[in-house]
Amino acid sequence: MALNTCLRDLCIVLLLLSTLAGCGPELPQYNPNAKVDPNATATFALASGVTRFDPHRATSSYDNTWLFPVYDRLIHMSPAGTAVPGLARAWRFGPNGAWLDLDLRPGVTFHDGEPFTAEAVAINIERAKTVLGSAVKAELKHIQRVEIIDPLHVRLHLDAPDAALPLILSDRAGMMVSPQALRAGGLDLKGVGAGPFRHVEFLLGNRSVYERFDDYWAPEDAGVQRLQLVLTPDTTTRLNAVRSGQVDGTTIGTLQIEQARRYNLQVQTGVGLEVLHMQLNRNRSKFSDKRVRQALNHAVDRKSLVRALSFGYGEASAQHFPIGYMAHDAATGADYYNYDPDRARTLLAEAGLKEGFSFELIVPNIPSYMPLFEVLQYQFAEIGVTAIPWVLEGAQISERFYGTSEGDAALVTWGGRPDPSQTIDLLFTPGSLPNPGGHSTPELMVLAQLARQEIDPQQRPTQLQAAAAEIARQALDLVLYLPSSTFALRPEVEGMRVWASGNKPEFRGVRIRR
């Protein structure tokens, strides 16, 4: 009862704050008879900036939003997270996954006029694997060499089957840069690709401007003449910019959804591949004992977290992949660890911790994380466990928790990866930076390898789901919930979609009615 009261009161306070923040003028009435303006400029405000426009050396997955307009990828990702044709019209694995063949799209040119050919693919992949500071080298580790079969056909020879490679090539590792631009340099500040928009201007740390590339192979993807992306870290400022008409759309938090709707904005929201979790260093504190990890999982009331902290937007789940996604194991279910404090206390007693224990929990120095920590601290206290906060900046978390394995656990968001094997391998197998302490289990290592090497698209979901089920059964993580990615858009915007990649949208097909 005390827990429910605590969460109810928190929800009421957050709702009141959201309501008060919404005071202001209404948007002008939208004209429903407006027509699509092919010469329009679309402006979107983003929460995260870009590190550089060199896709091989860009260090943040959130760089993708700035890179997608200018760089086409060998393979594209659908909004649902599946691999679909891009610069490669088709692909197929060789016997036993010995190679991956790519059939390239004819008649494609880069923005500087250089033709897109198999040679350009070979140059890009070799550069991505070898350039100093490459952020994608590890993703391409199984590619031993690139064979040019003919100008529109390349063969990627592999040292091991890698079923994740098609979706890996839908991300930065598969972005194609003009070979001429690679030779010229200067990619940190200006991208030169073969995407639907040319990169024409970048004001450092603030604004990037793109213009329609008229020779793009899918002209319907460039629905506006000019696209502008602006960095606006503050959530309230971003939403106000949409309301006032300074920008056409932005990402917002779930607490702002009702506020946006009150001002006649479109709201699009959906669960993707992002995961909000309390990541455990399973080689510290008491976390090497599966029963302790299971106890903490049973101590968390995930559904109440979603209701109170996200106003019901999000998916309460103990798995890393959303319901309906190819790696979600339906037999295990999202509610594998139901809220059961009595069961949690029993598990702790079985582990010899009847009196409980304490652990150090890293909390990001971001306002939205503190209410989450306070609720978790309360829930853990109900089973006799004390969470001691250690507040750090984001860069410090990377250095301390992941780099030197300090701290017992951390409240963090996993941004998701294009292919589920990447998430499984990075978080739960030895030798990976995102797996502090390097702990795994023999069973999971076998299952992870089987999922990575299963090149039959009909059989692979079974292998992925087996790995996801093992992660849940062993309580290798403490997933809190899968947050929603949400966009607020002015009424005249159409064609915007929520992508499985979360707050890393593509602007393909976005149009403006005037």
Protein backbone atom coordinates (compact mmCIF):
# COMPACT_ATOMS: atom_id res chain seq x y z
CA MET A 1 0.00 0.00 0.00
CA ALA A 2 2.82 2.41 0.87
CA LEU A 3 4.47 1.77 -2.50
CA ASN A 4 1.27 2.39 -4.44
CA THR A 5 0.68 5.61 -2.49
CA CYS A 6 4.24 6.78 -3.17
CA LEU A 7 3.93 6.19 -6.90
CA ARG A 8 0.44 7.74 -7.01
CA ASP A 9 1.65 10.90 -5.29
CA LEU A 10 4.66 11.10 -7.60
CA CYS A 11 2.42 10.77 -10.63
CA ILE A 12 0.16 13.58 -9.37
CA VAL A 13 3.13 15.89 -8.81
CA LEU A 14 4.53 15.19 -12.27
CA LEU A 15 1.13 15.75 -13.87
CA LEU A 16 0.79 19.09 -12.06
CA LEU A 17 4.23 20.20 -13.21
CA SER A 18 3.44 19.18 -16.78
CA THR A 19 0.16 21.11 -16.69
CA LEU A 20 1.78 24.25 -15.34
CA ALA A 21 4.52 24.06 -17.97
CA GLY A 22 1.87 23.98 -20.67
CA CYS A 23 0.55 27.48 -20.15
CA GLY A 24 0.93 29.62 -23.27
CA PRO A 25 -0.70 30.60 -26.55
CA GLU A 26 -2.45 28.12 -28.80
CA LEU A 27 -1.06 27.22 -32.21
CA PRO A 28 -2.66 28.92 -35.21
CA GLN A 29 -5.43 26.83 -36.76
CA TYR A 30 -4.14 24.47 -39.45
CA ASN A 31 -5.69 24.71 -42.90
CA PRO A 32 -6.88 21.16 -43.77
CA ASN A 33 -6.99 22.10 -47.47
CA ALA A 34 -3.29 22.95 -47.62
CA LYS A 35 -1.30 21.18 -50.32
CA VAL A 36 2.09 19.54 -50.12
CA ASP A 37 4.78 22.14 -50.83
CA PRO A 38 7.71 20.48 -52.64
CA ASN A 39 9.80 23.61 -52.08
CA ALA A 40 9.24 23.73 -48.32
CA THR A 41 11.89 23.87 -45.62
CA ALA A 42 11.46 21.44 -42.73
CA THR A 43 13.21 22.20 -39.45
CA PHE A 44 13.57 19.73 -36.59
CA ALA A 45 15.06 20.29 -33.13
CA LEU A 46 17.21 17.50 -31.69
CA ALA A 47 18.31 16.79 -28.13
CA SER A 48 21.78 15.48 -29.01
CA GLY A 49 24.45 17.01 -31.23
CA VAL A 50 26.75 15.35 -33.73
CA THR A 51 30.35 14.44 -32.94
CA ARG A 52 31.46 14.62 -36.61
CA PHE A 53 30.14 13.99 -40.11
CA ASP A 54 32.65 11.23 -40.79
CA PRO A 55 30.44 8.14 -40.30
CA HIS A 56 33.39 5.81 -39.73
CA ARG A 57 34.69 7.96 -36.88
CA ALA A 58 31.45 9.34 -35.42
CA THR A 59 31.40 8.11 -31.85
CA SER A 60 27.75 8.33 -30.81
CA SER A 61 24.84 6.29 -32.12
CA TYR A 62 22.77 9.49 -31.86
CA ASP A 63 24.99 10.97 -34.59
CA ASN A 64 22.90 8.89 -36.99
CA THR A 65 20.05 11.41 -37.09
CA TRP A 66 22.46 14.04 -38.46
CA LEU A 67 24.10 11.56 -40.85
CA PHE A 68 21.06 9.80 -42.33
CA PRO A 69 20.02 12.64 -44.67
CA VAL A 70 23.40 12.85 -46.40
CA TYR A 71 24.62 9.24 -46.29
CA ASP A 72 22.87 6.32 -47.89
CA ARG A 73 23.66 2.88 -46.47
CA LEU A 74 24.25 -0.39 -48.26
CA ILE A 75 21.17 -1.80 -46.53
CA HIS A 76 18.34 0.17 -44.97
CA MET A 77 16.34 -0.56 -41.83
CA SER A 78 12.56 -0.44 -41.97
CA PRO A 79 10.67 1.43 -39.21
CA ALA A 80 9.94 -2.01 -37.69
CA GLY A 81 13.65 -2.84 -37.50
CA THR A 82 14.01 -5.28 -40.41
CA ALA A 83 16.63 -5.15 -43.17
CA VAL A 84 15.35 -3.77 -46.49
CA PRO A 85 17.13 -2.83 -49.75
CA GLY A 86 19.21 0.32 -49.85
CA LEU A 87 22.22 0.89 -52.08
CA ALA A 88 22.29 -2.89 -52.26
CA ARG A 89 19.17 -4.08 -54.08
CA ALA A 90 19.65 -7.62 -52.80
CA TRP A 91 22.06 -9.67 -50.68
CA ARG A 92 22.67 -13.33 -49.95
CA PHE A 93 25.06 -15.42 -47.90
CA GLY A 94 27.33 -17.97 -49.49
CA PRO A 95 27.49 -21.63 -48.37
CA ASN A 96 27.90 -21.89 -44.58
CA GLY A 97 28.07 -18.11 -44.39
CA ALA A 98 31.49 -17.97 -46.05
CA TRP A 99 30.65 -14.66 -47.73
CA LEU A 100 27.94 -12.06 -48.18
CA ASP A 101 27.16 -10.99 -51.73
CA LEU A 102 25.72 -7.54 -52.42
CA ASP A 103 23.97 -6.62 -55.68
CA LEU A 104 24.36 -2.86 -56.01
CA ARG A 105 21.84 -0.38 -57.34
CA PRO A 106 22.77 0.95 -60.81
CA GLY A 107 22.88 4.61 -61.80
CA VAL A 108 23.64 5.97 -58.32
CA THR A 109 25.97 8.94 -57.93
CA PHE A 110 27.49 10.65 -54.94
CA HIS A 111 26.71 14.29 -54.30
CA ASP A 112 30.04 15.34 -55.86
CA GLY A 113 29.20 13.50 -59.09
CA GLU A 114 31.40 10.45 -58.50
CA PRO A 115 29.63 7.19 -59.47
CA PHE A 116 28.68 4.66 -56.82
CA THR A 117 30.26 1.32 -57.77
CA ALA A 118 31.66 -1.84 -56.23
CA GLU A 119 35.03 -0.11 -56.02
CA ALA A 120 33.50 2.61 -53.83
CA VAL A 121 32.12 -0.07 -51.51
CA ALA A 122 35.53 -1.72 -51.23
CA ILE A 123 37.21 1.62 -50.49
CA ASN A 124 34.64 2.48 -47.81
CA ILE A 125 34.77 -0.86 -46.01
CA GLU A 126 38.57 -0.97 -46.04
CA ARG A 127 38.69 2.56 -44.69
CA ALA A 128 36.07 1.82 -42.00
CA LYS A 129 38.17 -1.12 -40.80
CA THR A 130 41.51 0.67 -40.75
CA VAL A 131 41.12 4.42 -40.27
CA LEU A 132 42.59 5.76 -37.04
CA GLY A 133 39.80 6.24 -34.52
CA SER A 134 37.30 4.04 -36.34
CA ALA A 135 34.12 3.60 -34.30
CA VAL A 136 32.85 0.77 -36.52
CA LYS A 137 35.94 -1.41 -36.86
CA ALA A 138 34.66 -4.03 -34.42
CA GLU A 139 31.32 -4.28 -36.25
CA LEU A 140 33.11 -5.28 -39.45
CA LYS A 141 35.63 -7.62 -37.82
CA HIS A 142 34.43 -10.73 -39.67
CA ILE A 143 34.99 -9.16 -43.11
CA GLN A 144 38.41 -10.41 -44.24
CA ARG A 145 38.43 -8.86 -47.69
CA VAL A 146 36.15 -7.33 -50.29
CA GLU A 147 36.13 -8.90 -53.72
CA ILE A 148 34.90 -6.83 -56.67
CA ILE A 149 33.02 -9.28 -58.89
CA ASP A 150 31.93 -6.58 -61.34
CA PRO A 151 31.06 -2.87 -61.07
CA LEU A 152 27.69 -3.65 -59.43
CA HIS A 153 28.52 -6.77 -57.46
CA VAL A 154 30.75 -7.17 -54.39
CA ARG A 155 31.51 -10.19 -52.25
CA LEU A 156 32.40 -9.72 -48.59
CA HIS A 157 34.55 -12.69 -47.60
CA LEU A 158 34.01 -13.64 -43.94
CA ASP A 159 36.16 -15.53 -41.45
CA ALA A 160 32.98 -16.72 -39.68
CA PRO A 161 29.27 -16.58 -40.45
CA ASP A 162 27.81 -13.27 -39.30
CA ALA A 163 24.03 -13.10 -39.55
CA ALA A 164 24.10 -9.65 -37.96
CA LEU A 165 26.02 -8.15 -40.87
CA PRO A 166 23.04 -7.04 -43.04
CA LEU A 167 21.60 -4.88 -40.26
CA ILE A 168 25.08 -3.74 -39.24
CA LEU A 169 25.37 -2.38 -42.78
CA SER A 170 22.15 -0.42 -42.19
CA ASP A 171 24.00 1.72 -39.65
CA ARG A 172 27.15 3.86 -39.72
CA ALA A 173 29.27 0.90 -40.81
CA GLY A 174 27.27 0.73 -44.04
CA MET A 175 27.18 4.45 -44.82
CA MET A 176 28.87 5.13 -48.15
CA VAL A 177 31.15 8.17 -48.44
CA SER A 178 32.31 9.54 -51.78
CA PRO A 179 35.83 8.14 -52.39
CA GLN A 180 36.82 11.57 -53.71
CA ALA A 181 35.73 13.12 -50.41
CA LEU A 182 37.67 10.48 -48.49
CA ARG A 183 40.79 11.51 -50.38
CA ALA A 184 40.12 15.22 -49.89
CA GLY A 185 39.42 15.06 -46.16
CA GLY A 186 37.35 17.54 -44.18
CA LEU A 187 34.58 15.04 -43.40
CA ASP A 188 34.36 16.06 -39.75
CA LEU A 189 32.47 19.22 -40.73
CA LYS A 190 30.87 18.32 -44.06
CA GLY A 191 29.45 15.01 -45.23
CA VAL A 192 29.57 13.91 -48.87
CA GLY A 193 27.43 10.85 -49.49
CA ALA A 194 24.73 9.53 -51.79
CA GLY A 195 21.68 10.15 -49.61
CA PRO A 196 18.45 12.01 -50.39
CA PHE A 197 19.94 15.37 -49.27
CA ARG A 198 23.22 17.17 -49.93
CA HIS A 199 25.01 18.64 -46.93
CA VAL A 200 25.36 22.37 -47.59
CA GLU A 201 26.07 24.01 -44.22
CA PHE A 202 27.11 23.19 -40.68
CA LEU A 203 27.35 25.68 -37.86
CA LEU A 204 29.52 23.91 -35.31
CA GLY A 205 27.51 22.40 -32.48
CA ASN A 206 24.29 24.09 -33.49
CA ARG A 207 22.72 23.67 -36.93
CA SER A 208 23.08 21.51 -40.02
CA VAL A 209 21.44 22.35 -43.35
CA TYR A 210 20.68 19.95 -46.21
CA GLU A 211 19.17 20.45 -49.66
CA ARG A 212 17.34 17.94 -51.83
CA PHE A 213 19.60 15.87 -54.11
CA ASP A 214 17.64 15.77 -57.33
CA ASP A 215 19.45 12.69 -58.66
CA TYR A 216 18.60 10.49 -55.68
CA TRP A 217 17.37 7.04 -56.74
CA ALA A 218 14.20 7.27 -54.59
CA PRO A 219 13.05 10.89 -55.12
CA GLU A 220 9.96 10.42 -52.95
CA ASP A 221 12.26 10.11 -49.92
CA ALA A 222 13.27 13.78 -50.24
CA GLY A 223 9.88 15.34 -49.64
CA VAL A 224 11.13 18.87 -48.92
CA GLN A 225 13.59 21.13 -50.70
CA ARG A 226 15.51 22.00 -47.57
CA LEU A 227 16.00 20.17 -44.27
CA GLN A 228 17.41 21.85 -41.17
CA LEU A 229 18.45 20.12 -37.95
CA VAL A 230 19.12 22.27 -34.90
CA LEU A 231 20.56 21.28 -31.54
CA THR A 232 18.29 22.22 -28.63
CA PRO A 233 19.15 20.21 -25.50
CA ASP A 234 16.39 21.56 -23.24
CA THR A 235 13.10 19.66 -23.60
CA THR A 236 10.84 22.59 -22.71
CA THR A 237 12.62 24.87 -25.17
CA ARG A 238 12.23 22.29 -27.92
CA LEU A 239 8.50 21.88 -27.38
CA ASN A 240 7.97 25.63 -27.18
CA ALA A 241 9.83 26.00 -30.48
CA VAL A 242 7.34 23.65 -32.15
CA ARG A 243 4.36 25.45 -30.61
CA SER A 244 5.62 28.83 -31.80
CA GLY A 245 6.41 27.60 -35.29
CA GLN A 246 10.18 28.07 -35.04
CA VAL A 247 10.61 24.38 -35.83
CA ASP A 248 8.32 21.77 -37.38
CA GLY A 249 8.98 18.92 -34.99
CA THR A 250 11.09 17.58 -32.17
CA THR A 251 11.59 14.71 -29.78
CA ILE A 252 9.81 15.10 -26.46
CA GLY A 253 9.53 13.21 -23.19
CA THR A 254 6.45 11.19 -22.36
CA LEU A 255 5.57 13.67 -19.61
CA GLN A 256 5.08 16.28 -22.36
CA ILE A 257 2.70 14.24 -24.51
CA GLU A 258 -0.59 15.53 -23.11
CA GLN A 259 0.80 19.05 -23.08
CA ALA A 260 1.67 18.77 -26.79
CA ARG A 261 -1.78 17.44 -27.62
CA ARG A 262 -3.46 20.31 -25.81
CA TYR A 263 -1.74 22.65 -28.24
CA ASN A 264 -2.98 20.82 -31.33
CA LEU A 265 0.35 19.21 -32.12
CA GLN A 266 0.62 15.80 -33.67
CA VAL A 267 2.13 13.24 -31.31
CA GLN A 268 3.74 10.06 -32.54
CA THR A 269 5.02 7.60 -29.98
CA GLY A 270 6.16 4.00 -29.98
CA VAL A 271 8.46 1.53 -28.25
CA GLY A 272 11.69 0.75 -30.06
CA LEU A 273 14.97 -0.91 -29.19
CA GLU A 274 16.01 1.42 -26.37
CA VAL A 275 16.19 -0.13 -22.90
CA LEU A 276 16.09 1.64 -19.54
CA HIS A 277 17.86 -0.68 -17.12
CA MET A 278 19.80 -0.94 -13.92
CA GLN A 279 22.87 -2.57 -15.36
CA LEU A 280 24.73 -4.83 -12.95
CA ASN A 281 28.44 -5.47 -12.72
CA ARG A 282 27.97 -9.16 -12.02
CA ASN A 283 31.50 -9.46 -10.62
CA ARG A 284 30.84 -6.92 -7.84
CA SER A 285 28.76 -6.72 -4.67
CA LYS A 286 26.52 -9.80 -4.30
CA PHE A 287 25.60 -9.89 -7.97
CA SER A 288 27.53 -13.03 -8.88
CA ASP A 289 24.71 -14.99 -7.21
CA LYS A 290 21.81 -15.54 -9.59
CA ARG A 291 19.35 -15.61 -6.68
CA VAL A 292 20.35 -12.09 -5.69
CA ARG A 293 19.87 -10.84 -9.22
CA GLN A 294 16.49 -12.57 -9.40
CA ALA A 295 15.48 -11.06 -6.06
CA LEU A 296 16.18 -7.54 -7.29
CA ASN A 297 14.17 -8.25 -10.43
CA HIS A 298 11.19 -9.39 -8.36
CA ALA A 299 11.50 -6.30 -6.14
CA VAL A 300 10.76 -3.89 -9.00
CA ASP A 301 7.18 -2.97 -9.86
CA ARG A 302 7.74 -2.25 -13.55
CA LYS A 303 4.13 -1.49 -14.40
CA SER A 304 3.97 1.17 -11.69
CA LEU A 305 7.23 2.67 -12.98
CA VAL A 306 5.73 3.06 -16.43
CA ARG A 307 2.49 4.52 -15.05
CA ALA A 308 4.16 6.95 -12.66
CA LEU A 309 7.28 7.99 -14.53
CA SER A 310 6.08 7.75 -18.14
CA PHE A 311 2.33 8.26 -17.76
CA GLY A 312 1.76 4.79 -19.19
CA TYR A 313 3.91 5.27 -22.30
CA GLY A 314 6.44 2.49 -22.59
CA GLU A 315 6.52 -1.27 -22.23
CA ALA A 316 6.96 -2.86 -18.81
CA SER A 317 9.25 -5.77 -19.56
CA ALA A 318 11.96 -7.95 -18.09
CA GLN A 319 13.30 -8.60 -21.62
CA HIS A 320 15.52 -6.38 -23.74
CA PHE A 321 13.42 -6.65 -26.89
CA PRO A 322 9.85 -5.42 -27.37
CA ILE A 323 6.85 -7.67 -27.86
CA GLY A 324 6.53 -8.69 -31.50
CA TYR A 325 10.19 -8.07 -32.33
CA MET A 326 12.14 -10.99 -33.78
CA ALA A 327 14.28 -11.47 -30.64
CA HIS A 328 11.48 -11.24 -28.07
CA ASP A 329 10.79 -14.64 -26.51
CA ALA A 330 7.03 -14.93 -26.11
CA ALA A 331 7.30 -18.12 -24.04
CA THR A 332 9.33 -16.29 -21.39
CA GLY A 333 7.11 -13.22 -21.65
CA ALA A 334 7.59 -9.62 -20.63
CA ASP A 335 6.42 -10.32 -17.07
CA TYR A 336 8.88 -13.10 -16.28
CA TYR A 337 9.82 -11.27 -13.07
CA ASN A 338 6.48 -10.15 -11.72
CA TYR A 339 6.41 -7.75 -8.80
CA ASP A 340 6.71 -10.10 -5.80
CA PRO A 341 8.57 -8.72 -2.76
CA ASP A 342 7.89 -11.89 -0.75
CA ARG A 343 9.55 -14.02 -3.42
CA ALA A 344 12.43 -11.53 -3.49
CA ARG A 345 12.96 -11.84 0.26
CA THR A 346 12.87 -15.65 0.00
CA LEU A 347 15.54 -15.61 -2.71
CA LEU A 348 17.77 -13.37 -0.62
CA ALA A 349 17.39 -15.70 2.35
CA GLU A 350 18.34 -18.67 0.14
CA ALA A 351 21.45 -16.72 -0.89
CA GLY A 352 22.39 -16.23 2.80
CA LEU A 353 21.32 -12.57 2.81
CA LYS A 354 18.25 -12.70 5.01
CA GLU A 355 19.26 -9.36 6.57
CA GLY A 356 19.78 -7.80 3.16
CA PHE A 357 22.84 -5.96 1.84
CA SER A 358 23.84 -2.61 0.36
CA PHE A 359 25.32 -1.72 -3.02
CA GLU A 360 26.55 1.36 -4.84
CA LEU A 361 24.31 2.55 -7.66
CA ILE A 362 25.60 5.06 -10.21
CA VAL A 363 22.94 7.64 -11.12
CA PRO A 364 23.35 10.02 -14.08
CA ASN A 365 23.39 13.70 -13.23
CA ILE A 366 20.21 14.20 -15.27
CA PRO A 367 17.00 15.41 -13.60
CA SER A 368 14.80 12.66 -15.04
CA TYR A 369 16.87 9.91 -13.41
CA MET A 370 16.51 11.09 -9.82
CA PRO A 371 12.77 10.26 -9.45
CA LEU A 372 13.52 6.83 -10.92
CA PHE A 373 16.33 6.27 -8.44
CA GLU A 374 14.15 7.31 -5.52
CA VAL A 375 11.40 4.87 -6.45
CA LEU A 376 13.90 2.03 -6.95
CA GLN A 377 15.60 2.86 -3.67
CA TYR A 378 12.22 2.60 -1.93
CA GLN A 379 11.36 -0.70 -3.63
CA PHE A 380 14.71 -2.26 -2.77
CA ALA A 381 14.39 -1.09 0.83
CA GLU A 382 11.13 -3.05 1.04
CA ILE A 383 13.18 -6.27 0.71
CA GLY A 384 16.02 -5.09 2.97
CA VAL A 385 18.42 -3.93 0.24
CA THR A 386 20.02 -0.48 0.38
CA ALA A 387 20.93 1.33 -2.85
CA ILE A 388 23.57 4.00 -2.19
CA PRO A 389 23.60 6.66 -4.93
CA TRP A 390 26.76 7.79 -6.71
CA VAL A 391 25.84 10.69 -9.00
CA LEU A 392 28.06 11.08 -12.07
CA GLU A 393 28.09 12.92 -15.39
CA GLY A 394 27.54 10.83 -18.50
CA ALA A 395 31.20 10.90 -19.56
CA GLN A 396 32.24 9.87 -16.05
CA ILE A 397 29.89 6.88 -16.20
CA SER A 398 31.56 5.69 -19.39
CA GLU A 399 34.97 6.05 -17.80
CA ARG A 400 34.20 4.72 -14.33
CA PHE A 401 31.55 2.04 -14.81
CA TYR A 402 32.55 0.71 -18.22
CA GLY A 403 36.20 1.71 -18.50
CA THR A 404 37.52 0.77 -15.05
CA SER A 405 34.58 -1.31 -13.72
CA GLU A 406 33.91 0.95 -10.74
CA GLY A 407 30.48 0.96 -9.14
CA ASP A 408 28.26 -2.04 -8.50
CA ALA A 409 25.44 -1.02 -10.84
CA ALA A 410 24.32 1.92 -12.97
CA LEU A 411 21.00 3.42 -14.00
CA VAL A 412 21.51 3.85 -17.73
CA THR A 413 19.72 3.73 -21.06
CA TRP A 414 20.91 1.28 -23.68
CA GLY A 415 20.36 2.94 -27.04
CA GLY A 416 19.72 -0.32 -28.86
CA ARG A 417 21.55 -1.66 -31.89
CA PRO A 418 20.37 -2.44 -35.44
CA ASP A 419 20.77 -6.19 -34.96
CA PRO A 420 19.76 -8.02 -31.75
CA SER A 421 22.97 -10.05 -31.73
CA GLN A 422 24.87 -6.83 -31.20
CA THR A 423 22.92 -6.13 -28.01
CA ILE A 424 23.37 -9.70 -26.79
CA ASP A 425 27.09 -9.81 -27.55
CA LEU A 426 27.92 -6.34 -26.26
CA LEU A 427 26.03 -6.56 -22.96
CA PHE A 428 26.50 -10.20 -22.04
CA THR A 429 29.67 -11.74 -23.50
CA PRO A 430 33.27 -11.35 -22.26
CA GLY A 431 35.64 -8.74 -23.65
CA SER A 432 33.02 -6.13 -24.49
CA LEU A 433 33.28 -2.62 -23.06
CA PRO A 434 29.51 -2.36 -22.35
CA ASN A 435 29.78 -5.49 -20.18
CA PRO A 436 31.56 -4.24 -17.04
CA GLY A 437 33.38 -7.09 -15.36
CA GLY A 438 33.10 -9.27 -18.47
CA HIS A 439 30.79 -11.82 -16.81
CA SER A 440 28.78 -14.31 -18.87
CA THR A 441 27.56 -17.89 -18.62
CA PRO A 442 28.68 -20.86 -20.73
CA GLU A 443 25.10 -21.45 -21.88
CA LEU A 444 24.62 -17.89 -23.07
CA MET A 445 27.95 -17.81 -24.88
CA VAL A 446 26.88 -20.86 -26.89
CA LEU A 447 23.43 -19.41 -27.61
CA ALA A 448 24.88 -16.03 -28.58
CA GLN A 449 27.22 -17.67 -31.04
CA LEU A 450 24.45 -19.77 -32.55
CA ALA A 451 22.29 -16.66 -33.02
CA ARG A 452 25.16 -14.77 -34.63
CA GLN A 453 25.95 -17.59 -37.05
CA GLU A 454 22.43 -18.65 -38.06
CA ILE A 455 22.17 -17.21 -41.56
CA ASP A 456 18.78 -18.79 -42.33
CA PRO A 457 16.33 -15.90 -41.78
CA GLN A 458 13.54 -18.37 -40.96
CA GLN A 459 15.53 -20.11 -38.24
CA ARG A 460 17.40 -17.18 -36.76
CA PRO A 461 14.55 -15.76 -34.63
CA THR A 462 14.43 -19.08 -32.75
CA GLN A 463 18.11 -18.75 -31.86
CA LEU A 464 17.76 -15.11 -30.86
CA GLN A 465 14.77 -15.85 -28.67
CA ALA A 466 16.63 -18.69 -26.96
CA ALA A 467 19.42 -16.27 -26.05
CA ALA A 468 16.91 -13.68 -24.81
CA ALA A 469 15.22 -16.32 -22.65
CA GLU A 470 18.56 -17.37 -21.12
CA ILE A 471 19.38 -13.75 -20.27
CA ALA A 472 16.04 -13.45 -18.48
CA ARG A 473 16.28 -16.80 -16.65
CA GLN A 474 19.77 -16.01 -15.40
CA ALA A 475 18.73 -12.45 -14.48
CA LEU A 476 21.87 -11.11 -16.13
CA ASP A 477 20.38 -7.64 -16.13
CA LEU A 478 17.61 -5.68 -14.47
CA VAL A 479 15.48 -4.26 -17.26
CA LEU A 480 13.15 -1.60 -15.87
CA TYR A 481 11.09 -0.88 -18.98
CA LEU A 482 11.35 -0.12 -22.68
CA PRO A 483 10.79 3.63 -23.05
CA SER A 484 8.72 5.18 -25.81
CA SER A 485 10.29 7.38 -28.45
CA THR A 486 8.00 10.34 -28.98
CA PHE A 487 7.80 13.15 -31.51
CA ALA A 488 5.73 16.33 -31.40
CA LEU A 489 4.97 17.73 -34.86
CA ARG A 490 3.14 20.72 -36.22
CA PRO A 491 -0.13 19.82 -37.96
CA GLU A 492 1.24 20.53 -41.43
CA VAL A 493 3.95 17.84 -41.15
CA GLU A 494 3.22 14.46 -42.70
CA GLY A 495 5.22 11.34 -43.41
CA MET A 496 7.17 11.33 -40.12
CA ARG A 497 7.44 7.90 -38.53
CA VAL A 498 8.68 6.39 -35.27
CA TRP A 499 11.56 4.04 -36.04
CA ALA A 500 12.65 0.99 -34.06
CA SER A 501 15.99 2.74 -33.68
CA GLY A 502 14.26 5.07 -31.20
CA ASN A 503 15.23 8.73 -30.96
CA LYS A 504 17.36 8.40 -34.09
CA PRO A 505 14.74 9.12 -36.75
CA GLU A 506 15.12 9.24 -40.50
CA PHE A 507 13.35 11.97 -42.41
CA ARG A 508 12.56 9.93 -45.50
CA GLY A 509 9.24 10.92 -47.00
CA VAL A 510 8.61 13.84 -44.63
CA ARG A 511 6.53 16.53 -46.34
CA ILE A 512 5.09 19.90 -45.39
CA ARG A 513 1.62 21.18 -46.32
CA ARG A 514 1.34 24.94 -46.70
